[in-house]
Amino acid sequence: MLSPETGEIREFFFGIQGSEIRAETPSGKKHPFIWITTALLNGVARFDPNTGRIEHFQNPLILGLTSEDTVDGCEVVWVSSIPHNALISVNSKTGRVSYVTIPDTVTLEPVSVPPFVVFAVNYGPGNAIWFNKVAFNQVGSYALDANCSMNEDDSYYATK
């Protein structure tokens, strides 16, 4: 991390194989984090650049390979999981991990049928999570609740 004041570069060793930085907590927040997909560990990690602390959140679906993540306006992190037809969500306030099954999925685990191959996720445009279905050359979206409402278990709070 480069300090604009001193020009000093501060390096951090993640110790996480197959990691890839994809999203940050929205700017303007009091304590921004950097979110890192941990493909080979099947999860996502939250890195605090102010303290150097790393916290890992495990994908609840077995045999996953997390590829991309995005942070929505309610500070929920959404992660794609290959080979699952699902979007993994991490409530950054509570740490609870859940997932949303993409419609038309016949079997979710251990490998989804049919295999949509959801690789990319993005928050916006609009208050929605956009994702691709590579194998079918399609793009889909989930419209999110503008009030950041969640179920009792901090799971899926999008509107269908």
N, C-alpha and C. Protein backbone atom coordinates (compact mmCIF):
# COMPACT_ATOMS: atom_id res chain seq x y z
N MET A 1 0.86 -1.16 0.00
CA MET A 1 0.00 0.00 0.00
C MET A 1 0.91 1.23 0.00
N LEU A 2 0.63 2.17 -0.88
CA LEU A 2 1.45 3.37 -1.03
C LEU A 2 0.90 4.48 -0.15
N SER A 3 1.76 5.06 0.67
CA SER A 3 1.38 6.21 1.49
C SER A 3 1.63 7.47 0.67
N PRO A 4 0.56 8.24 0.35
CA PRO A 4 0.76 9.46 -0.44
C PRO A 4 1.57 10.51 0.30
N GLU A 5 1.53 10.48 1.63
CA GLU A 5 2.26 11.47 2.42
C GLU A 5 3.76 11.22 2.40
N THR A 6 4.17 9.96 2.57
CA THR A 6 5.60 9.65 2.71
C THR A 6 6.20 8.99 1.47
N GLY A 7 5.36 8.46 0.59
CA GLY A 7 5.86 7.73 -0.57
C GLY A 7 6.30 6.32 -0.21
N GLU A 8 6.12 5.95 1.06
CA GLU A 8 6.52 4.62 1.52
C GLU A 8 5.52 3.57 1.04
N ILE A 9 6.06 2.43 0.64
CA ILE A 9 5.21 1.30 0.23
C ILE A 9 5.17 0.29 1.35
N ARG A 10 3.97 -0.02 1.79
CA ARG A 10 3.75 -1.01 2.85
C ARG A 10 3.22 -2.28 2.20
N GLU A 11 3.91 -3.39 2.39
CA GLU A 11 3.49 -4.65 1.79
C GLU A 11 2.85 -5.55 2.84
N PHE A 12 1.89 -6.34 2.38
CA PHE A 12 1.20 -7.29 3.25
C PHE A 12 1.27 -8.67 2.62
N PHE A 13 1.58 -9.67 3.42
CA PHE A 13 1.58 -11.05 2.95
C PHE A 13 0.25 -11.67 3.34
N PHE A 14 -0.54 -12.06 2.34
CA PHE A 14 -1.85 -12.62 2.62
C PHE A 14 -1.77 -14.07 3.06
N GLY A 15 -0.82 -14.83 2.51
CA GLY A 15 -0.72 -16.24 2.87
C GLY A 15 -1.89 -17.03 2.35
N ILE A 16 -2.58 -16.49 1.35
CA ILE A 16 -3.76 -17.14 0.80
C ILE A 16 -3.45 -17.48 -0.65
N GLN A 17 -3.44 -18.76 -0.98
CA GLN A 17 -3.17 -19.19 -2.35
C GLN A 17 -4.35 -18.88 -3.26
N GLY A 18 -4.06 -18.48 -4.47
CA GLY A 18 -5.11 -18.25 -5.46
C GLY A 18 -5.99 -17.06 -5.14
N SER A 19 -5.45 -16.07 -4.44
CA SER A 19 -6.27 -14.91 -4.07
C SER A 19 -6.27 -13.87 -5.19
N GLU A 20 -7.35 -13.10 -5.22
CA GLU A 20 -7.51 -12.09 -6.25
C GLU A 20 -8.35 -10.95 -5.68
N ILE A 21 -7.85 -9.73 -5.73
CA ILE A 21 -8.60 -8.58 -5.22
C ILE A 21 -9.65 -8.20 -6.25
N ARG A 22 -10.88 -8.10 -5.82
CA ARG A 22 -11.96 -7.78 -6.74
C ARG A 22 -12.81 -6.60 -6.31
N ALA A 23 -12.99 -6.32 -5.04
CA ALA A 23 -13.92 -5.27 -4.64
C ALA A 23 -13.52 -4.65 -3.31
N GLU A 24 -13.92 -3.42 -3.11
CA GLU A 24 -13.70 -2.74 -1.85
C GLU A 24 -15.04 -2.33 -1.26
N THR A 25 -15.05 -2.13 0.06
CA THR A 25 -16.23 -1.57 0.69
C THR A 25 -16.44 -0.19 0.07
N PRO A 26 -17.69 0.20 -0.21
CA PRO A 26 -17.92 1.48 -0.87
C PRO A 26 -17.18 2.64 -0.20
N SER A 27 -16.66 3.53 -1.02
CA SER A 27 -15.90 4.66 -0.50
C SER A 27 -16.79 5.56 0.36
N GLY A 28 -16.16 6.26 1.26
CA GLY A 28 -16.89 7.15 2.14
C GLY A 28 -17.30 6.47 3.44
N LYS A 29 -17.10 5.17 3.53
CA LYS A 29 -17.44 4.46 4.76
C LYS A 29 -16.33 4.70 5.77
N LYS A 30 -16.67 4.62 7.04
CA LYS A 30 -15.72 4.92 8.09
C LYS A 30 -14.52 3.97 8.07
N HIS A 31 -14.75 2.71 7.77
CA HIS A 31 -13.68 1.73 7.86
C HIS A 31 -13.69 0.83 6.63
N PRO A 32 -13.14 1.31 5.52
CA PRO A 32 -13.20 0.51 4.29
C PRO A 32 -12.33 -0.74 4.37
N PHE A 33 -12.83 -1.81 3.78
CA PHE A 33 -12.10 -3.07 3.70
C PHE A 33 -11.85 -3.39 2.24
N ILE A 34 -10.88 -4.24 2.00
CA ILE A 34 -10.65 -4.79 0.68
C ILE A 34 -11.05 -6.25 0.75
N TRP A 35 -11.89 -6.66 -0.20
CA TRP A 35 -12.38 -8.04 -0.24
C TRP A 35 -11.61 -8.81 -1.30
N ILE A 36 -11.19 -10.02 -0.95
CA ILE A 36 -10.32 -10.82 -1.80
C ILE A 36 -10.93 -12.20 -1.97
N THR A 37 -11.18 -12.61 -3.20
CA THR A 37 -11.66 -13.98 -3.40
C THR A 37 -10.50 -14.93 -3.14
N THR A 38 -10.80 -16.03 -2.48
CA THR A 38 -9.79 -17.03 -2.15
C THR A 38 -10.16 -18.32 -2.87
N ALA A 39 -9.92 -18.33 -4.16
CA ALA A 39 -10.38 -19.41 -5.03
C ALA A 39 -10.02 -20.80 -4.52
N LEU A 40 -8.77 -21.02 -4.19
CA LEU A 40 -8.36 -22.36 -3.78
C LEU A 40 -8.83 -22.73 -2.38
N LEU A 41 -9.25 -21.76 -1.59
CA LEU A 41 -9.81 -22.03 -0.26
C LEU A 41 -11.33 -21.98 -0.28
N ASN A 42 -11.93 -21.72 -1.46
CA ASN A 42 -13.38 -21.71 -1.61
C ASN A 42 -14.05 -20.70 -0.68
N GLY A 43 -13.62 -19.45 -0.77
CA GLY A 43 -14.23 -18.44 0.08
C GLY A 43 -13.85 -17.04 -0.36
N VAL A 44 -13.97 -16.13 0.60
CA VAL A 44 -13.62 -14.73 0.38
C VAL A 44 -13.02 -14.21 1.69
N ALA A 45 -12.05 -13.32 1.56
CA ALA A 45 -11.39 -12.77 2.75
C ALA A 45 -11.58 -11.27 2.81
N ARG A 46 -11.66 -10.75 4.04
CA ARG A 46 -11.76 -9.31 4.27
C ARG A 46 -10.43 -8.84 4.83
N PHE A 47 -9.81 -7.90 4.13
CA PHE A 47 -8.52 -7.36 4.54
C PHE A 47 -8.71 -5.93 5.02
N ASP A 48 -8.20 -5.65 6.21
CA ASP A 48 -8.24 -4.30 6.77
C ASP A 48 -6.86 -3.68 6.57
N PRO A 49 -6.72 -2.76 5.61
CA PRO A 49 -5.40 -2.18 5.33
C PRO A 49 -4.87 -1.32 6.48
N ASN A 50 -5.75 -0.90 7.39
CA ASN A 50 -5.29 -0.08 8.51
C ASN A 50 -4.60 -0.92 9.58
N THR A 51 -5.04 -2.17 9.74
CA THR A 51 -4.47 -3.03 10.79
C THR A 51 -3.69 -4.22 10.23
N GLY A 52 -3.91 -4.54 8.95
CA GLY A 52 -3.28 -5.72 8.36
C GLY A 52 -4.02 -7.01 8.67
N ARG A 53 -5.15 -6.92 9.36
CA ARG A 53 -5.92 -8.11 9.75
C ARG A 53 -6.67 -8.69 8.55
N ILE A 54 -6.63 -10.03 8.45
CA ILE A 54 -7.35 -10.75 7.40
C ILE A 54 -8.32 -11.71 8.07
N GLU A 55 -9.57 -11.69 7.61
CA GLU A 55 -10.59 -12.61 8.14
C GLU A 55 -11.19 -13.36 6.95
N HIS A 56 -11.25 -14.69 7.05
CA HIS A 56 -11.73 -15.52 5.94
C HIS A 56 -13.16 -15.97 6.19
N PHE A 57 -13.97 -15.97 5.13
CA PHE A 57 -15.36 -16.42 5.19
C PHE A 57 -15.51 -17.57 4.19
N GLN A 58 -15.93 -18.72 4.68
CA GLN A 58 -15.99 -19.94 3.89
C GLN A 58 -17.29 -20.05 3.10
N ASN A 59 -17.18 -20.46 1.84
CA ASN A 59 -18.34 -20.76 1.02
C ASN A 59 -19.04 -21.98 1.62
N PRO A 60 -20.35 -21.92 1.89
CA PRO A 60 -21.04 -23.07 2.47
C PRO A 60 -21.26 -24.22 1.49
N LEU A 61 -21.03 -23.98 0.20
CA LEU A 61 -21.20 -25.03 -0.81
C LEU A 61 -19.88 -25.75 -1.03
N ILE A 62 -19.92 -27.08 -1.03
CA ILE A 62 -18.69 -27.85 -1.15
C ILE A 62 -18.13 -27.82 -2.56
N LEU A 63 -16.84 -28.05 -2.66
CA LEU A 63 -16.13 -28.14 -3.93
C LEU A 63 -16.23 -26.88 -4.78
N GLY A 64 -16.37 -25.73 -4.15
CA GLY A 64 -16.49 -24.49 -4.90
C GLY A 64 -15.14 -23.89 -5.25
N LEU A 65 -15.18 -22.99 -6.20
CA LEU A 65 -14.02 -22.23 -6.62
C LEU A 65 -14.52 -20.80 -6.80
N THR A 66 -14.33 -19.96 -5.78
CA THR A 66 -14.83 -18.58 -5.85
C THR A 66 -13.99 -17.80 -6.86
N SER A 67 -14.67 -16.97 -7.66
CA SER A 67 -13.94 -16.28 -8.71
C SER A 67 -14.00 -14.77 -8.62
N GLU A 68 -15.16 -14.17 -8.46
CA GLU A 68 -15.26 -12.72 -8.39
C GLU A 68 -16.19 -12.32 -7.26
N ASP A 69 -16.02 -11.07 -6.81
CA ASP A 69 -16.92 -10.55 -5.79
C ASP A 69 -17.26 -9.10 -6.07
N THR A 70 -18.32 -8.65 -5.42
CA THR A 70 -18.75 -7.26 -5.53
C THR A 70 -19.43 -6.90 -4.22
N VAL A 71 -19.45 -5.63 -3.89
CA VAL A 71 -20.07 -5.17 -2.64
C VAL A 71 -21.26 -4.28 -3.01
N ASP A 72 -22.44 -4.59 -2.42
CA ASP A 72 -23.62 -3.79 -2.74
C ASP A 72 -23.72 -2.57 -1.83
N GLY A 73 -24.75 -1.78 -2.01
CA GLY A 73 -24.95 -0.55 -1.25
C GLY A 73 -25.24 -0.76 0.22
N CYS A 74 -25.55 -1.99 0.62
CA CYS A 74 -25.81 -2.32 2.03
C CYS A 74 -24.62 -3.02 2.66
N GLU A 75 -23.47 -3.00 1.97
CA GLU A 75 -22.24 -3.62 2.43
C GLU A 75 -22.32 -5.13 2.55
N VAL A 76 -23.15 -5.74 1.71
CA VAL A 76 -23.17 -7.19 1.60
C VAL A 76 -22.27 -7.55 0.43
N VAL A 77 -21.39 -8.53 0.65
CA VAL A 77 -20.46 -8.97 -0.37
C VAL A 77 -21.07 -10.15 -1.11
N TRP A 78 -21.07 -10.10 -2.43
CA TRP A 78 -21.62 -11.16 -3.27
C TRP A 78 -20.46 -11.80 -4.01
N VAL A 79 -20.43 -13.14 -4.03
CA VAL A 79 -19.31 -13.88 -4.60
C VAL A 79 -19.84 -14.96 -5.55
N SER A 80 -19.20 -15.10 -6.71
CA SER A 80 -19.56 -16.20 -7.61
C SER A 80 -18.80 -17.45 -7.18
N SER A 81 -19.42 -18.61 -7.42
CA SER A 81 -18.84 -19.88 -7.00
C SER A 81 -18.95 -20.90 -8.14
N ILE A 82 -17.83 -21.18 -8.77
CA ILE A 82 -17.80 -22.20 -9.82
C ILE A 82 -17.57 -23.53 -9.11
N PRO A 83 -18.27 -24.56 -9.30
CA PRO A 83 -19.22 -24.90 -10.34
C PRO A 83 -20.67 -24.85 -9.88
N HIS A 84 -21.00 -23.92 -9.01
CA HIS A 84 -22.35 -23.83 -8.47
C HIS A 84 -23.18 -22.77 -9.18
N ASN A 85 -24.45 -23.05 -9.35
CA ASN A 85 -25.39 -22.07 -9.89
C ASN A 85 -25.93 -21.26 -8.72
N ALA A 86 -25.05 -20.50 -8.10
CA ALA A 86 -25.42 -19.76 -6.90
C ALA A 86 -24.56 -18.52 -6.75
N LEU A 87 -25.09 -17.56 -6.00
CA LEU A 87 -24.33 -16.39 -5.59
C LEU A 87 -24.18 -16.47 -4.08
N ILE A 88 -22.96 -16.44 -3.60
CA ILE A 88 -22.67 -16.50 -2.18
C ILE A 88 -22.76 -15.07 -1.65
N SER A 89 -23.34 -14.89 -0.45
CA SER A 89 -23.40 -13.56 0.14
C SER A 89 -22.79 -13.58 1.54
N VAL A 90 -22.08 -12.51 1.86
CA VAL A 90 -21.49 -12.34 3.19
C VAL A 90 -22.00 -11.02 3.74
N ASN A 91 -22.72 -11.09 4.86
CA ASN A 91 -23.15 -9.88 5.54
C ASN A 91 -21.93 -9.33 6.25
N SER A 92 -21.38 -8.23 5.76
CA SER A 92 -20.13 -7.71 6.32
C SER A 92 -20.29 -7.18 7.74
N LYS A 93 -21.52 -6.96 8.18
CA LYS A 93 -21.75 -6.48 9.55
C LYS A 93 -21.81 -7.61 10.56
N THR A 94 -22.37 -8.77 10.14
CA THR A 94 -22.52 -9.90 11.07
C THR A 94 -21.56 -11.04 10.76
N GLY A 95 -21.03 -11.09 9.53
CA GLY A 95 -20.15 -12.18 9.14
C GLY A 95 -20.88 -13.43 8.70
N ARG A 96 -22.19 -13.38 8.69
CA ARG A 96 -22.97 -14.56 8.29
C ARG A 96 -22.88 -14.78 6.79
N VAL A 97 -22.64 -16.04 6.40
CA VAL A 97 -22.49 -16.42 4.99
C VAL A 97 -23.72 -17.21 4.57
N SER A 98 -24.24 -16.90 3.39
CA SER A 98 -25.42 -17.58 2.86
C SER A 98 -25.26 -17.66 1.35
N TYR A 99 -26.29 -18.15 0.67
CA TYR A 99 -26.23 -18.19 -0.78
C TYR A 99 -27.63 -18.12 -1.37
N VAL A 100 -27.67 -17.74 -2.64
CA VAL A 100 -28.90 -17.66 -3.41
C VAL A 100 -28.74 -18.62 -4.59
N THR A 101 -29.68 -19.52 -4.76
CA THR A 101 -29.65 -20.43 -5.90
C THR A 101 -30.26 -19.73 -7.11
N ILE A 102 -29.57 -19.81 -8.23
CA ILE A 102 -30.06 -19.19 -9.46
C ILE A 102 -31.21 -20.03 -10.00
N PRO A 103 -32.31 -19.38 -10.41
CA PRO A 103 -33.46 -20.11 -10.94
C PRO A 103 -33.09 -21.06 -12.08
N ASP A 104 -33.87 -22.12 -12.23
CA ASP A 104 -33.71 -23.16 -13.25
C ASP A 104 -32.59 -24.15 -12.91
N THR A 105 -32.07 -24.08 -11.69
CA THR A 105 -31.08 -25.06 -11.25
C THR A 105 -31.81 -26.32 -10.81
N VAL A 106 -31.41 -27.46 -11.34
CA VAL A 106 -32.03 -28.73 -10.98
C VAL A 106 -31.33 -29.32 -9.76
N THR A 107 -29.99 -29.35 -9.78
CA THR A 107 -29.17 -29.84 -8.68
C THR A 107 -28.12 -28.79 -8.37
N LEU A 108 -27.92 -28.46 -7.08
CA LEU A 108 -26.95 -27.43 -6.70
C LEU A 108 -25.58 -28.00 -6.37
N GLU A 109 -25.54 -29.06 -5.55
CA GLU A 109 -24.26 -29.62 -5.10
C GLU A 109 -24.18 -31.10 -5.42
N PRO A 110 -22.97 -31.65 -5.56
CA PRO A 110 -21.67 -30.98 -5.48
C PRO A 110 -21.34 -30.15 -6.71
N VAL A 111 -21.94 -30.51 -7.86
CA VAL A 111 -21.77 -29.72 -9.08
C VAL A 111 -23.17 -29.43 -9.61
N SER A 112 -23.42 -28.19 -9.96
CA SER A 112 -24.76 -27.79 -10.39
C SER A 112 -25.14 -28.37 -11.75
N VAL A 113 -26.42 -28.70 -11.85
CA VAL A 113 -27.01 -29.17 -13.12
C VAL A 113 -28.24 -28.33 -13.39
N PRO A 114 -28.38 -27.77 -14.60
CA PRO A 114 -27.37 -27.70 -15.64
C PRO A 114 -26.23 -26.77 -15.23
N PRO A 115 -25.05 -26.94 -15.79
CA PRO A 115 -23.90 -26.11 -15.39
C PRO A 115 -23.92 -24.73 -16.06
N PHE A 116 -24.40 -23.72 -15.35
CA PHE A 116 -24.46 -22.36 -15.91
C PHE A 116 -23.07 -21.72 -16.02
N VAL A 117 -22.14 -22.11 -15.12
CA VAL A 117 -20.80 -21.53 -15.02
C VAL A 117 -20.91 -20.03 -14.76
N VAL A 118 -21.33 -19.70 -13.54
CA VAL A 118 -21.44 -18.30 -13.12
C VAL A 118 -20.05 -17.84 -12.68
N PHE A 119 -19.47 -16.94 -13.44
CA PHE A 119 -18.11 -16.50 -13.18
C PHE A 119 -18.04 -15.07 -12.68
N ALA A 120 -18.77 -14.16 -13.31
CA ALA A 120 -18.67 -12.74 -12.99
C ALA A 120 -19.89 -12.24 -12.22
N VAL A 121 -19.66 -11.35 -11.27
CA VAL A 121 -20.74 -10.67 -10.53
C VAL A 121 -20.41 -9.19 -10.46
N ASN A 122 -21.47 -8.37 -10.43
CA ASN A 122 -21.27 -6.93 -10.34
C ASN A 122 -22.49 -6.28 -9.69
N TYR A 123 -22.24 -5.31 -8.82
CA TYR A 123 -23.33 -4.53 -8.23
C TYR A 123 -23.61 -3.35 -9.14
N GLY A 124 -24.85 -3.26 -9.62
CA GLY A 124 -25.26 -2.17 -10.49
C GLY A 124 -25.00 -2.52 -11.94
N PRO A 125 -25.66 -1.83 -12.85
CA PRO A 125 -26.47 -0.63 -12.62
C PRO A 125 -27.75 -0.94 -11.86
N GLY A 126 -28.27 0.10 -11.24
CA GLY A 126 -29.45 -0.06 -10.40
C GLY A 126 -29.09 -0.79 -9.12
N ASN A 127 -30.07 -1.01 -8.29
CA ASN A 127 -29.86 -1.72 -7.03
C ASN A 127 -30.04 -3.21 -7.28
N ALA A 128 -29.08 -3.79 -8.00
CA ALA A 128 -29.18 -5.20 -8.40
C ALA A 128 -27.79 -5.82 -8.47
N ILE A 129 -27.76 -7.15 -8.30
CA ILE A 129 -26.55 -7.92 -8.52
C ILE A 129 -26.68 -8.56 -9.89
N TRP A 130 -25.73 -8.27 -10.75
CA TRP A 130 -25.71 -8.81 -12.11
C TRP A 130 -24.70 -9.95 -12.16
N PHE A 131 -25.02 -11.00 -12.90
CA PHE A 131 -24.13 -12.15 -13.01
C PHE A 131 -24.24 -12.73 -14.41
N ASN A 132 -23.22 -13.49 -14.79
CA ASN A 132 -23.27 -14.12 -16.11
C ASN A 132 -23.49 -15.62 -15.97
N LYS A 133 -24.00 -16.21 -17.04
CA LYS A 133 -24.13 -17.67 -17.17
C LYS A 133 -23.36 -18.02 -18.43
N VAL A 134 -22.05 -18.25 -18.26
CA VAL A 134 -21.14 -18.41 -19.38
C VAL A 134 -21.59 -19.52 -20.34
N ALA A 135 -21.95 -20.66 -19.80
CA ALA A 135 -22.30 -21.80 -20.65
C ALA A 135 -23.54 -21.55 -21.51
N PHE A 136 -24.38 -20.60 -21.11
CA PHE A 136 -25.60 -20.32 -21.85
C PHE A 136 -25.57 -18.95 -22.53
N ASN A 137 -24.42 -18.24 -22.43
CA ASN A 137 -24.26 -16.93 -23.04
C ASN A 137 -25.38 -15.98 -22.61
N GLN A 138 -25.64 -15.95 -21.29
CA GLN A 138 -26.71 -15.13 -20.73
C GLN A 138 -26.21 -14.27 -19.58
N VAL A 139 -26.96 -13.21 -19.29
CA VAL A 139 -26.71 -12.36 -18.13
C VAL A 139 -28.01 -12.31 -17.33
N GLY A 140 -27.90 -12.39 -16.02
CA GLY A 140 -29.07 -12.31 -15.15
C GLY A 140 -28.86 -11.29 -14.06
N SER A 141 -29.92 -10.97 -13.33
CA SER A 141 -29.78 -10.02 -12.22
C SER A 141 -30.77 -10.34 -11.12
N TYR A 142 -30.40 -9.92 -9.91
CA TYR A 142 -31.29 -9.98 -8.75
C TYR A 142 -31.50 -8.55 -8.27
N ALA A 143 -32.75 -8.13 -8.22
CA ALA A 143 -33.07 -6.80 -7.69
C ALA A 143 -33.02 -6.87 -6.17
N LEU A 144 -32.33 -5.92 -5.56
CA LEU A 144 -32.16 -5.92 -4.10
C LEU A 144 -33.15 -4.99 -3.43
N ASP A 145 -33.44 -5.27 -2.18
CA ASP A 145 -34.32 -4.44 -1.36
C ASP A 145 -33.60 -3.13 -1.04
N ALA A 146 -34.17 -2.02 -1.40
CA ALA A 146 -33.54 -0.71 -1.20
C ALA A 146 -33.36 -0.36 0.28
N ASN A 147 -34.12 -1.02 1.16
CA ASN A 147 -34.03 -0.74 2.60
C ASN A 147 -33.04 -1.64 3.32
N CYS A 148 -32.30 -2.44 2.58
CA CYS A 148 -31.33 -3.37 3.17
C CYS A 148 -31.99 -4.38 4.09
N SER A 149 -33.23 -4.73 3.81
CA SER A 149 -33.93 -5.71 4.64
C SER A 149 -33.36 -7.10 4.41
N MET A 150 -33.26 -7.87 5.48
CA MET A 150 -32.74 -9.23 5.39
C MET A 150 -33.66 -10.17 6.13
N ASN A 151 -33.57 -11.44 5.76
CA ASN A 151 -34.30 -12.46 6.49
C ASN A 151 -33.68 -12.62 7.87
N GLU A 152 -34.37 -13.33 8.76
CA GLU A 152 -33.87 -13.52 10.12
C GLU A 152 -32.47 -14.10 10.15
N ASP A 153 -32.16 -14.96 9.20
CA ASP A 153 -30.85 -15.62 9.19
C ASP A 153 -29.80 -14.86 8.37
N ASP A 154 -30.06 -13.59 8.07
CA ASP A 154 -29.15 -12.75 7.29
C ASP A 154 -28.98 -13.26 5.87
N SER A 155 -29.87 -14.09 5.41
CA SER A 155 -29.74 -14.65 4.08
C SER A 155 -30.38 -13.75 3.05
N TYR A 156 -30.49 -14.24 1.88
CA TYR A 156 -31.03 -13.60 0.70
C TYR A 156 -32.11 -12.56 1.02
N TYR A 157 -31.84 -11.34 0.65
CA TYR A 157 -32.80 -10.28 0.93
C TYR A 157 -33.25 -9.59 -0.34
N ALA A 158 -32.98 -10.21 -1.47
CA ALA A 158 -33.38 -9.62 -2.73
C ALA A 158 -34.86 -9.84 -3.01
N THR A 159 -35.39 -9.04 -3.88
CA THR A 159 -36.77 -9.23 -4.32
C THR A 159 -36.74 -9.96 -5.63
N LYS A 160 -37.72 -10.80 -5.89
CA LYS A 160 -37.73 -11.57 -7.14
C LYS A 160 -38.51 -10.84 -8.18
